[in-house]
Amino acid sequence: MINRLIRAIAGTFIILSVLLGMYVNENWYWFTIFVGANLLQSSITKWCLMEDILRKVFKIQD
């Protein structure tokens, strides 16, 4: 469940930031880069901040 939520949130953030970059201000592309960098970092370190946040919000134990 957590992995699906993380993918859905990351995908939503990327789509939203690209649209905001296209139609509002190009500085929104920095948010797209930030999300991509976090995805890359989590694949290397096997640690994801969004996973920790979701576990606390939904009170899920390992």
C-alpha atoms as a PDB file:
ATOM      1  CA  MET A   1       0.000   0.000   0.000  1.00  0.00           C
ATOM      2  CA  ILE A   2       2.769   2.447   0.950  1.00  0.00           C
ATOM      3  CA  ASN A   3       4.704   1.846  -2.283  1.00  0.00           C
ATOM      4  CA  ARG A   4       1.618   2.531  -4.389  1.00  0.00           C
ATOM      5  CA  LEU A   5       0.943   5.747  -2.478  1.00  0.00           C
ATOM      6  CA  ILE A   6       4.545   6.903  -2.905  1.00  0.00           C
ATOM      7  CA  ARG A   7       4.416   6.282  -6.654  1.00  0.00           C
ATOM      8  CA  ALA A   8       1.045   8.040  -6.940  1.00  0.00           C
ATOM      9  CA  ILE A   9       2.245  11.055  -4.953  1.00  0.00           C
ATOM     10  CA  ALA A  10       5.534  11.311  -6.876  1.00  0.00           C
ATOM     11  CA  GLY A  11       3.739  11.029 -10.217  1.00  0.00           C
ATOM     12  CA  THR A  12       1.197  13.656  -9.195  1.00  0.00           C
ATOM     13  CA  PHE A  13       3.936  16.026  -8.010  1.00  0.00           C
ATOM     14  CA  ILE A  14       5.852  15.621 -11.271  1.00  0.00           C
ATOM     15  CA  ILE A  15       2.834  16.156 -13.519  1.00  0.00           C
ATOM     16  CA  LEU A  16       1.644  19.129 -11.461  1.00  0.00           C
ATOM     17  CA  SER A  17       5.070  20.786 -11.361  1.00  0.00           C
ATOM     18  CA  VAL A  18       5.582  20.357 -15.120  1.00  0.00           C
ATOM     19  CA  LEU A  19       2.182  21.915 -15.814  1.00  0.00           C
ATOM     20  CA  LEU A  20       2.919  24.764 -13.406  1.00  0.00           C
ATOM     21  CA  GLY A  21       6.283  25.236 -15.089  1.00  0.00           C
ATOM     22  CA  MET A  22       4.650  25.426 -18.498  1.00  0.00           C
ATOM     23  CA  TYR A  23       1.753  27.720 -17.616  1.00  0.00           C
ATOM     24  CA  VAL A  24       2.717  29.684 -14.483  1.00  0.00           C
ATOM     25  CA  ASN A  25       6.453  30.102 -13.991  1.00  0.00           C
ATOM     26  CA  GLU A  26       9.443  28.140 -15.226  1.00  0.00           C
ATOM     27  CA  ASN A  27      10.919  28.029 -11.708  1.00  0.00           C
ATOM     28  CA  TRP A  28       8.428  25.222 -10.932  1.00  0.00           C
ATOM     29  CA  TYR A  29      10.741  22.933 -12.914  1.00  0.00           C
ATOM     30  CA  TRP A  30      13.060  23.013  -9.896  1.00  0.00           C
ATOM     31  CA  PHE A  31      10.364  21.115  -7.985  1.00  0.00           C
ATOM     32  CA  THR A  32      10.318  18.491 -10.736  1.00  0.00           C
ATOM     33  CA  ILE A  33      14.091  18.124 -10.396  1.00  0.00           C
ATOM     34  CA  PHE A  34      13.747  17.881  -6.599  1.00  0.00           C
ATOM     35  CA  VAL A  35      11.199  15.047  -6.840  1.00  0.00           C
ATOM     36  CA  GLY A  36      13.325  13.201  -9.401  1.00  0.00           C
ATOM     37  CA  ALA A  37      16.444  13.605  -7.252  1.00  0.00           C
ATOM     38  CA  ASN A  38      14.595  12.234  -4.239  1.00  0.00           C
ATOM     39  CA  LEU A  39      13.413   9.230  -6.241  1.00  0.00           C
ATOM     40  CA  LEU A  40      16.985   8.586  -7.379  1.00  0.00           C
ATOM     41  CA  GLN A  41      18.326   9.033  -3.829  1.00  0.00           C
ATOM     42  CA  SER A  42      15.758   6.620  -2.397  1.00  0.00           C
ATOM     43  CA  SER A  43      16.658   3.970  -4.976  1.00  0.00           C
ATOM     44  CA  ILE A  44      20.322   4.196  -3.948  1.00  0.00           C
ATOM     45  CA  THR A  45      19.970   4.507  -0.156  1.00  0.00           C
ATOM     46  CA  LYS A  46      16.738   2.494   0.252  1.00  0.00           C
ATOM     47  CA  TRP A  47      15.397   5.323   2.468  1.00  0.00           C
ATOM     48  CA  CYS A  48      12.462   7.524   1.525  1.00  0.00           C
ATOM     49  CA  LEU A  49      11.221  10.465   3.577  1.00  0.00           C
ATOM     50  CA  MET A  50       7.728  10.175   2.076  1.00  0.00           C
ATOM     51  CA  GLU A  51       7.573   6.563   3.272  1.00  0.00           C
ATOM     52  CA  ASP A  52       8.381   7.660   6.829  1.00  0.00           C
ATOM     53  CA  ILE A  53       5.739  10.400   6.653  1.00  0.00           C
ATOM     54  CA  LEU A  54       3.062   8.027   5.341  1.00  0.00           C
ATOM     55  CA  ARG A  55       3.880   5.416   7.986  1.00  0.00           C
ATOM     56  CA  LYS A  56       3.363   8.035  10.707  1.00  0.00           C
ATOM     57  CA  VAL A  57       0.171   9.398   9.150  1.00  0.00           C
ATOM     58  CA  PHE A  58      -1.392   5.950   8.738  1.00  0.00           C
ATOM     59  CA  LYS A  59       0.286   4.552  11.885  1.00  0.00           C
ATOM     60  CA  ILE A  60       1.769   1.576  10.051  1.00  0.00           C
ATOM     61  CA  GLN A  61       4.482  -0.478  11.753  1.00  0.00           C
ATOM     62  CA  ASP A  62       7.302  -2.246   9.878  1.00  0.00           C
END
